[in-house]
Amino acid sequence: MKLEEFNQAIKGQHTVRLEFPHLSRKLEVSDLTVGESGLLIYTYWDSDVCREVLTRVSEVIEVKSVCTIEDWNAACDHWDTLHDLHGLAGF
């Protein structure tokens, strides 16, 4: 995938699903950072271990939205409201 196309695909996204030709599965990743050189840094969970990966944007063959930033913020606001209503006694 080209850098411009990738940047457009992740714009406004909190979490995306990436597909790579060399992996047999798709990864749901967040904390995406794209450097000027076109290197992609992201994190994902693999068997209870958080992994940080550095790879080339050109290795990505598909990007699909999982959660937009607006959806993420709305979910956090909803959770905060429920927590505030319940108080500090725990759930």
Protein backbone atom coordinates (compact mmCIF):
# COMPACT_ATOMS: atom_id res chain seq x y z
CA MET A 1 0.00 0.00 0.00
CA LYS A 2 1.27 3.48 -0.77
CA LEU A 3 1.94 5.90 2.07
CA GLU A 4 -0.65 8.47 0.93
CA GLU A 5 -3.32 5.77 0.60
CA PHE A 6 -2.45 4.36 4.02
CA ASN A 7 -2.55 7.76 5.72
CA GLN A 8 -6.00 8.39 4.23
CA ALA A 9 -7.24 4.96 5.39
CA ILE A 10 -6.21 5.51 9.03
CA LYS A 11 -7.31 9.13 9.26
CA GLY A 12 -9.73 9.52 12.17
CA GLN A 13 -9.33 5.90 13.28
CA HIS A 14 -8.47 4.67 16.78
CA THR A 15 -8.16 0.99 15.95
CA VAL A 16 -7.82 -0.63 12.54
CA ARG A 17 -7.47 -4.16 11.19
CA LEU A 18 -4.35 -4.60 9.06
CA GLU A 19 -3.71 -7.41 6.63
CA PHE A 20 -0.18 -8.36 5.59
CA PRO A 21 0.72 -10.83 2.84
CA HIS A 22 3.26 -12.66 5.03
CA LEU A 23 0.83 -13.26 7.95
CA SER A 24 -1.93 -15.84 7.95
CA ARG A 25 -4.18 -13.56 10.01
CA LYS A 26 -5.35 -9.99 10.21
CA LEU A 27 -4.22 -7.86 13.16
CA GLU A 28 -6.31 -5.36 15.09
CA VAL A 29 -3.90 -2.61 16.02
CA SER A 30 -3.95 0.75 17.72
CA ASP A 31 -1.43 3.43 18.61
CA LEU A 32 -0.49 3.80 14.94
CA THR A 33 2.36 6.11 14.07
CA VAL A 34 3.70 6.66 10.57
CA GLY A 35 7.15 8.17 10.26
CA GLU A 36 8.26 10.43 7.43
CA SER A 37 10.28 7.54 6.05
CA GLY A 38 7.09 5.49 5.62
CA LEU A 39 7.77 3.17 8.55
CA LEU A 40 4.73 2.14 10.56
CA ILE A 41 4.85 1.64 14.32
CA TYR A 42 1.91 -0.07 16.02
CA THR A 43 0.99 -2.20 19.00
CA TYR A 44 -1.17 -5.31 19.24
CA TRP A 45 -1.91 -8.07 21.75
CA ASP A 46 -0.57 -11.57 21.11
CA SER A 47 -1.34 -14.23 23.73
CA ASP A 48 -1.52 -11.77 26.63
CA VAL A 49 1.65 -9.97 25.50
CA CYS A 50 1.57 -6.46 24.09
CA ARG A 51 3.89 -6.29 21.10
CA GLU A 52 5.25 -3.17 19.46
CA VAL A 53 6.07 -3.59 15.78
CA LEU A 54 8.02 -1.54 13.26
CA THR A 55 7.30 -2.34 9.60
CA ARG A 56 6.99 -0.74 6.18
CA VAL A 57 3.66 0.76 5.13
CA SER A 58 4.26 -0.84 1.74
CA GLU A 59 3.82 -4.29 3.35
CA VAL A 60 0.19 -3.54 4.29
CA ILE A 61 -2.31 -4.83 1.73
CA GLU A 62 -5.59 -3.89 3.43
CA VAL A 63 -6.82 -1.53 6.15
CA LYS A 64 -10.30 -1.81 7.69
CA SER A 65 -11.80 0.40 10.38
CA VAL A 66 -12.55 -1.23 13.72
CA CYS A 67 -13.21 1.85 15.86
CA THR A 68 -13.12 5.53 14.98
CA ILE A 69 -11.77 8.11 17.39
CA GLU A 70 -15.31 9.51 17.77
CA ASP A 71 -16.70 6.05 18.64
CA TRP A 72 -13.86 5.47 21.11
CA ASN A 73 -14.46 8.81 22.82
CA ALA A 74 -18.22 8.20 22.97
CA ALA A 75 -17.66 4.79 24.58
CA CYS A 76 -15.28 6.33 27.12
CA ASP A 77 -17.83 9.07 27.92
CA HIS A 78 -20.56 6.44 28.34
CA TRP A 79 -18.37 4.36 30.66
CA ASP A 80 -17.41 7.46 32.68
CA THR A 81 -21.10 8.38 33.08
CA LEU A 82 -21.97 4.89 34.31
CA HIS A 83 -18.99 4.91 36.67
CA ASP A 84 -19.99 8.32 38.04
CA LEU A 85 -23.57 7.12 38.62
CA HIS A 86 -22.37 4.02 40.44
CA GLY A 87 -19.76 5.77 42.56
CA LEU A 88 -16.53 4.45 43.94
CA ALA A 89 -17.95 1.25 45.46
CA GLY A 90 -16.87 -0.79 42.44
CA PHE A 91 -18.88 -2.68 39.89
